[in-house]
PDB file of N, CA and C in Angstrom:
ATOM      1  N   MET A   1     -23.776  44.672  -1.742  1.00  0.00           N
ATOM      2  CA  MET A   1     -24.264  43.307  -1.625  1.00  0.00           C
ATOM      3  C   MET A   1     -23.118  42.409  -1.136  1.00  0.00           C
ATOM      4  N   ASN A   2     -23.368  41.631  -0.116  1.00  0.00           N
ATOM      5  CA  ASN A   2     -22.373  40.735   0.457  1.00  0.00           C
ATOM      6  C   ASN A   2     -22.497  39.349  -0.156  1.00  0.00           C
ATOM      7  N   HIS A   3     -21.418  38.811  -0.658  1.00  0.00           N
ATOM      8  CA  HIS A   3     -21.408  37.463  -1.226  1.00  0.00           C
ATOM      9  C   HIS A   3     -20.625  36.536  -0.304  1.00  0.00           C
ATOM     10  N   THR A   4     -21.216  35.404   0.011  1.00  0.00           N
ATOM     11  CA  THR A   4     -20.548  34.427   0.864  1.00  0.00           C
ATOM     12  C   THR A   4     -19.415  33.763   0.102  1.00  0.00           C
ATOM     13  N   GLN A   5     -18.269  33.693   0.735  1.00  0.00           N
ATOM     14  CA  GLN A   5     -17.134  32.956   0.197  1.00  0.00           C
ATOM     15  C   GLN A   5     -17.193  31.544   0.775  1.00  0.00           C
ATOM     16  N   TRP A   6     -16.882  30.541  -0.048  1.00  0.00           N
ATOM     17  CA  TRP A   6     -17.007  29.152   0.372  1.00  0.00           C
ATOM     18  C   TRP A   6     -15.665  28.431   0.346  1.00  0.00           C
ATOM     19  N   LYS A   7     -15.514  27.482   1.252  1.00  0.00           N
ATOM     20  CA  LYS A   7     -14.421  26.517   1.225  1.00  0.00           C
ATOM     21  C   LYS A   7     -15.046  25.186   0.841  1.00  0.00           C
ATOM     22  N   TYR A   8     -14.288  24.364   0.136  1.00  0.00           N
ATOM     23  CA  TYR A   8     -14.810  23.076  -0.333  1.00  0.00           C
ATOM     24  C   TYR A   8     -13.905  21.948   0.121  1.00  0.00           C
ATOM     25  N   HIS A   9     -14.525  20.783   0.314  1.00  0.00           N
ATOM     26  CA  HIS A   9     -13.785  19.585   0.695  1.00  0.00           C
ATOM     27  C   HIS A   9     -14.409  18.387  -0.020  1.00  0.00           C
ATOM     28  N   VAL A  10     -13.564  17.498  -0.520  1.00  0.00           N
ATOM     29  CA  VAL A  10     -14.032  16.269  -1.175  1.00  0.00           C
ATOM     30  C   VAL A  10     -13.403  15.085  -0.452  1.00  0.00           C
ATOM     31  N   THR A  11     -14.232  14.118  -0.100  1.00  0.00           N
ATOM     32  CA  THR A  11     -13.764  12.888   0.521  1.00  0.00           C
ATOM     33  C   THR A  11     -14.119  11.723  -0.380  1.00  0.00           C
ATOM     34  N   GLU A  12     -13.146  10.854  -0.640  1.00  0.00           N
ATOM     35  CA  GLU A  12     -13.397   9.637  -1.418  1.00  0.00           C
ATOM     36  C   GLU A  12     -13.489   8.459  -0.457  1.00  0.00           C
ATOM     37  N   ILE A  13     -14.562   7.704  -0.576  1.00  0.00           N
ATOM     38  CA  ILE A  13     -14.739   6.474   0.189  1.00  0.00           C
ATOM     39  C   ILE A  13     -14.605   5.339  -0.823  1.00  0.00           C
ATOM     40  N   GLY A  14     -13.505   4.611  -0.743  1.00  0.00           N
ATOM     41  CA  GLY A  14     -13.225   3.560  -1.719  1.00  0.00           C
ATOM     42  C   GLY A  14     -13.582   2.171  -1.207  1.00  0.00           C
ATOM     43  N   LEU A  15     -13.447   1.224  -2.082  1.00  0.00           N
ATOM     44  CA  LEU A  15     -13.680  -0.169  -1.746  1.00  0.00           C
ATOM     45  C   LEU A  15     -12.647  -0.611  -0.715  1.00  0.00           C
ATOM     46  N   GLN A  16     -13.111  -1.274   0.319  1.00  0.00           N
ATOM     47  CA  GLN A  16     -12.232  -1.729   1.396  1.00  0.00           C
ATOM     48  C   GLN A  16     -12.644  -3.143   1.762  1.00  0.00           C
ATOM     49  N   LEU A  17     -11.708  -4.066   1.721  1.00  0.00           N
ATOM     50  CA  LEU A  17     -12.029  -5.466   1.979  1.00  0.00           C
ATOM     51  C   LEU A  17     -12.230  -5.765   3.458  1.00  0.00           C
ATOM     52  N   PHE A  18     -11.514  -5.055   4.328  1.00  0.00           N
ATOM     53  CA  PHE A  18     -11.599  -5.309   5.765  1.00  0.00           C
ATOM     54  C   PHE A  18     -12.028  -4.045   6.481  1.00  0.00           C
ATOM     55  N   GLY A  19     -12.599  -4.202   7.650  1.00  0.00           N
ATOM     56  CA  GLY A  19     -13.003  -3.049   8.439  1.00  0.00           C
ATOM     57  C   GLY A  19     -14.468  -2.740   8.233  1.00  0.00           C
ATOM     58  N   ALA A  20     -14.802  -1.507   8.551  1.00  0.00           N
ATOM     59  CA  ALA A  20     -16.198  -1.065   8.486  1.00  0.00           C
ATOM     60  C   ALA A  20     -16.723  -1.081   7.056  1.00  0.00           C
ATOM     61  N   SER A  21     -18.023  -1.265   6.922  1.00  0.00           N
ATOM     62  CA  SER A  21     -18.653  -1.252   5.596  1.00  0.00           C
ATOM     63  C   SER A  21     -18.606   0.160   5.016  1.00  0.00           C
ATOM     64  N   ALA A  22     -18.801   0.263   3.716  1.00  0.00           N
ATOM     65  CA  ALA A  22     -18.824   1.572   3.059  1.00  0.00           C
ATOM     66  C   ALA A  22     -19.928   2.435   3.661  1.00  0.00           C
ATOM     67  N   PHE A  23     -21.081   1.839   3.930  1.00  0.00           N
ATOM     68  CA  PHE A  23     -22.192   2.580   4.526  1.00  0.00           C
ATOM     69  C   PHE A  23     -21.771   3.190   5.865  1.00  0.00           C
ATOM     70  N   ASP A  24     -21.125   2.391   6.715  1.00  0.00           N
ATOM     71  CA  ASP A  24     -20.677   2.887   8.017  1.00  0.00           C
ATOM     72  C   ASP A  24     -19.605   3.957   7.876  1.00  0.00           C
ATOM     73  N   ARG A  25     -18.679   3.791   6.924  1.00  0.00           N
ATOM     74  CA  ARG A  25     -17.620   4.789   6.721  1.00  0.00           C
ATOM     75  C   ARG A  25     -18.196   6.096   6.184  1.00  0.00           C
ATOM     76  N   ILE A  26     -19.201   6.009   5.316  1.00  0.00           N
ATOM     77  CA  ILE A  26     -19.851   7.225   4.817  1.00  0.00           C
ATOM     78  C   ILE A  26     -20.558   7.935   5.957  1.00  0.00           C
ATOM     79  N   ARG A  27     -21.292   7.196   6.771  1.00  0.00           N
ATOM     80  CA  ARG A  27     -21.997   7.800   7.904  1.00  0.00           C
ATOM     81  C   ARG A  27     -21.007   8.453   8.870  1.00  0.00           C
ATOM     82  N   GLU A  28     -19.886   7.796   9.141  1.00  0.00           N
ATOM     83  CA  GLU A  28     -18.865   8.370  10.019  1.00  0.00           C
ATOM     84  C   GLU A  28     -18.303   9.666   9.449  1.00  0.00           C
ATOM     85  N   GLU A  29     -18.051   9.677   8.146  1.00  0.00           N
ATOM     86  CA  GLU A  29     -17.520  10.889   7.497  1.00  0.00           C
ATOM     87  C   GLU A  29     -18.549  12.014   7.542  1.00  0.00           C
ATOM     88  N   LEU A  30     -19.815  11.695   7.306  1.00  0.00           N
ATOM     89  CA  LEU A  30     -20.867  12.713   7.386  1.00  0.00           C
ATOM     90  C   LEU A  30     -20.959  13.287   8.798  1.00  0.00           C
ATOM     91  N   ASP A  31     -20.921  12.436   9.808  1.00  0.00           N
ATOM     92  CA  ASP A  31     -20.972  12.898  11.194  1.00  0.00           C
ATOM     93  C   ASP A  31     -19.763  13.777  11.527  1.00  0.00           C
ATOM     94  N   LYS A  32     -18.575  13.333  11.094  1.00  0.00           N
ATOM     95  CA  LYS A  32     -17.337  14.071  11.384  1.00  0.00           C
ATOM     96  C   LYS A  32     -17.360  15.441  10.722  1.00  0.00           C
ATOM     97  N   ARG A  33     -17.666  15.480   9.432  1.00  0.00           N
ATOM     98  CA  ARG A  33     -17.665  16.760   8.705  1.00  0.00           C
ATOM     99  C   ARG A  33     -18.772  17.681   9.208  1.00  0.00           C
ATOM    100  N   GLY A  34     -19.945  17.110   9.508  1.00  0.00           N
ATOM    101  CA  GLY A  34     -21.048  17.920  10.030  1.00  0.00           C
ATOM    102  C   GLY A  34     -20.685  18.591  11.345  1.00  0.00           C
ATOM    103  N   ALA A  35     -19.996  17.865  12.225  1.00  0.00           N
ATOM    104  CA  ALA A  35     -19.571  18.426  13.505  1.00  0.00           C
ATOM    105  C   ALA A  35     -18.570  19.564  13.320  1.00  0.00           C
ATOM    106  N   LEU A  36     -17.863  19.559  12.191  1.00  0.00           N
ATOM    107  CA  LEU A  36     -16.878  20.605  11.892  1.00  0.00           C
ATOM    108  C   LEU A  36     -17.479  21.750  11.082  1.00  0.00           C
ATOM    109  N   GLY A  37     -18.799  21.711  10.856  1.00  0.00           N
ATOM    110  CA  GLY A  37     -19.472  22.804  10.165  1.00  0.00           C
ATOM    111  C   GLY A  37     -19.599  22.648   8.656  1.00  0.00           C
ATOM    112  N   TRP A  38     -19.210  21.483   8.118  1.00  0.00           N
ATOM    113  CA  TRP A  38     -19.307  21.255   6.687  1.00  0.00           C
ATOM    114  C   TRP A  38     -20.729  20.826   6.319  1.00  0.00           C
ATOM    115  N   GLU A  39     -21.198  21.263   5.176  1.00  0.00           N
ATOM    116  CA  GLU A  39     -22.511  20.897   4.650  1.00  0.00           C
ATOM    117  C   GLU A  39     -22.315  20.010   3.425  1.00  0.00           C
ATOM    118  N   LEU A  40     -22.996  18.874   3.404  1.00  0.00           N
ATOM    119  CA  LEU A  40     -22.927  17.989   2.236  1.00  0.00           C
ATOM    120  C   LEU A  40     -23.660  18.644   1.083  1.00  0.00           C
ATOM    121  N   VAL A  41     -22.985  18.733  -0.074  1.00  0.00           N
ATOM    122  CA  VAL A  41     -23.567  19.364  -1.256  1.00  0.00           C
ATOM    123  C   VAL A  41     -24.095  18.313  -2.220  1.00  0.00           C
ATOM    124  N   THR A  42     -23.278  17.293  -2.488  1.00  0.00           N
ATOM    125  CA  THR A  42     -23.696  16.239  -3.412  1.00  0.00           C
ATOM    126  C   THR A  42     -22.836  14.996  -3.185  1.00  0.00           C
ATOM    127  N   VAL A  43     -23.295  13.907  -3.771  1.00  0.00           N
ATOM    128  CA  VAL A  43     -22.596  12.621  -3.687  1.00  0.00           C
ATOM    129  C   VAL A  43     -22.483  12.080  -5.105  1.00  0.00           C
ATOM    130  N   ALA A  44     -21.330  11.514  -5.439  1.00  0.00           N
ATOM    131  CA  ALA A  44     -21.134  10.871  -6.744  1.00  0.00           C
ATOM    132  C   ALA A  44     -20.587   9.469  -6.502  1.00  0.00           C
ATOM    133  N   HIS A  45     -21.015   8.541  -7.325  1.00  0.00           N
ATOM    134  CA  HIS A  45     -20.558   7.156  -7.189  1.00  0.00           C
ATOM    135  C   HIS A  45     -20.011   6.682  -8.524  1.00  0.00           C
ATOM    136  N   ASN A  46     -18.839   6.030  -8.478  1.00  0.00           N
ATOM    137  CA  ASN A  46     -18.229   5.449  -9.667  1.00  0.00           C
ATOM    138  C   ASN A  46     -18.340   3.933  -9.541  1.00  0.00           C
ATOM    139  N   SER A  47     -19.211   3.337 -10.321  1.00  0.00           N
ATOM    140  CA  SER A  47     -19.431   1.892 -10.229  1.00  0.00           C
ATOM    141  C   SER A  47     -18.262   1.094 -10.802  1.00  0.00           C
ATOM    142  N   ASN A  48     -17.392   1.721 -11.593  1.00  0.00           N
ATOM    143  CA  ASN A  48     -16.233   1.019 -12.150  1.00  0.00           C
ATOM    144  C   ASN A  48     -15.240   0.597 -11.077  1.00  0.00           C
ATOM    145  N   ASN A  49     -15.060   1.451 -10.070  1.00  0.00           N
ATOM    146  CA  ASN A  49     -14.104   1.112  -9.003  1.00  0.00           C
ATOM    147  C   ASN A  49     -14.753   1.152  -7.615  1.00  0.00           C
ATOM    148  N   SER A  50     -16.058   1.218  -7.566  1.00  0.00           N
ATOM    149  CA  SER A  50     -16.830   1.207  -6.310  1.00  0.00           C
ATOM    150  C   SER A  50     -16.414   2.316  -5.353  1.00  0.00           C
ATOM    151  N   SER A  51     -16.079   3.485  -5.877  1.00  0.00           N
ATOM    152  CA  SER A  51     -15.743   4.635  -5.046  1.00  0.00           C
ATOM    153  C   SER A  51     -16.930   5.578  -4.962  1.00  0.00           C
ATOM    154  N   THR A  52     -17.054   6.205  -3.814  1.00  0.00           N
ATOM    155  CA  THR A  52     -18.078   7.221  -3.602  1.00  0.00           C
ATOM    156  C   THR A  52     -17.380   8.496  -3.174  1.00  0.00           C
ATOM    157  N   TRP A  53     -17.747   9.612  -3.781  1.00  0.00           N
ATOM    158  CA  TRP A  53     -17.186  10.910  -3.432  1.00  0.00           C
ATOM    159  C   TRP A  53     -18.255  11.735  -2.749  1.00  0.00           C
ATOM    160  N   LEU A  54     -17.868  12.319  -1.622  1.00  0.00           N
ATOM    161  CA  LEU A  54     -18.739  13.197  -0.867  1.00  0.00           C
ATOM    162  C   LEU A  54     -18.205  14.624  -1.021  1.00  0.00           C
ATOM    163  N   TYR A  55     -19.037  15.541  -1.480  1.00  0.00           N
ATOM    164  CA  TYR A  55     -18.645  16.930  -1.712  1.00  0.00           C
ATOM    165  C   TYR A  55     -19.284  17.810  -0.647  1.00  0.00           C
ATOM    166  N   PHE A  56     -18.436  18.565   0.072  1.00  0.00           N
ATOM    167  CA  PHE A  56     -18.883  19.411   1.159  1.00  0.00           C
ATOM    168  C   PHE A  56     -18.518  20.867   0.891  1.00  0.00           C
ATOM    169  N   LYS A  57     -19.241  21.779   1.572  1.00  0.00           N
ATOM    170  CA  LYS A  57     -18.872  23.190   1.550  1.00  0.00           C
ATOM    171  C   LYS A  57     -19.176  23.785   2.915  1.00  0.00           C
ATOM    172  N   LYS A  58     -18.485  24.899   3.220  1.00  0.00           N
ATOM    173  CA  LYS A  58     -18.787  25.688   4.405  1.00  0.00           C
ATOM    174  C   LYS A  58     -18.284  27.104   4.158  1.00  0.00           C
ATOM    175  N   PRO A  59     -18.856  28.067   4.850  1.00  0.00           N
ATOM    176  CA  PRO A  59     -18.386  29.426   4.663  1.00  0.00           C
ATOM    177  C   PRO A  59     -16.912  29.550   5.027  1.00  0.00           C
ATOM    178  N   ALA A  60     -16.204  30.355   4.213  1.00  0.00           N
ATOM    179  CA  ALA A  60     -14.768  30.561   4.436  1.00  0.00           C
ATOM    180  C   ALA A  60     -14.532  31.455   5.624  1.00  0.00           C
TER     181      ALA A  60
END
């Protein structure tokens, strides 16, 4: 039986006063990682510091 080995990547999108909105930065990160073969697994948000974490995986 063959088991897939995975690589993982986590990106934090934090609060930013200037520049692109968090929504735009998340979309850009999703587009960038998707083009590199990464699959979004889950998203977590910390309302205490307005950070969002994007969790990705792809075959090793």
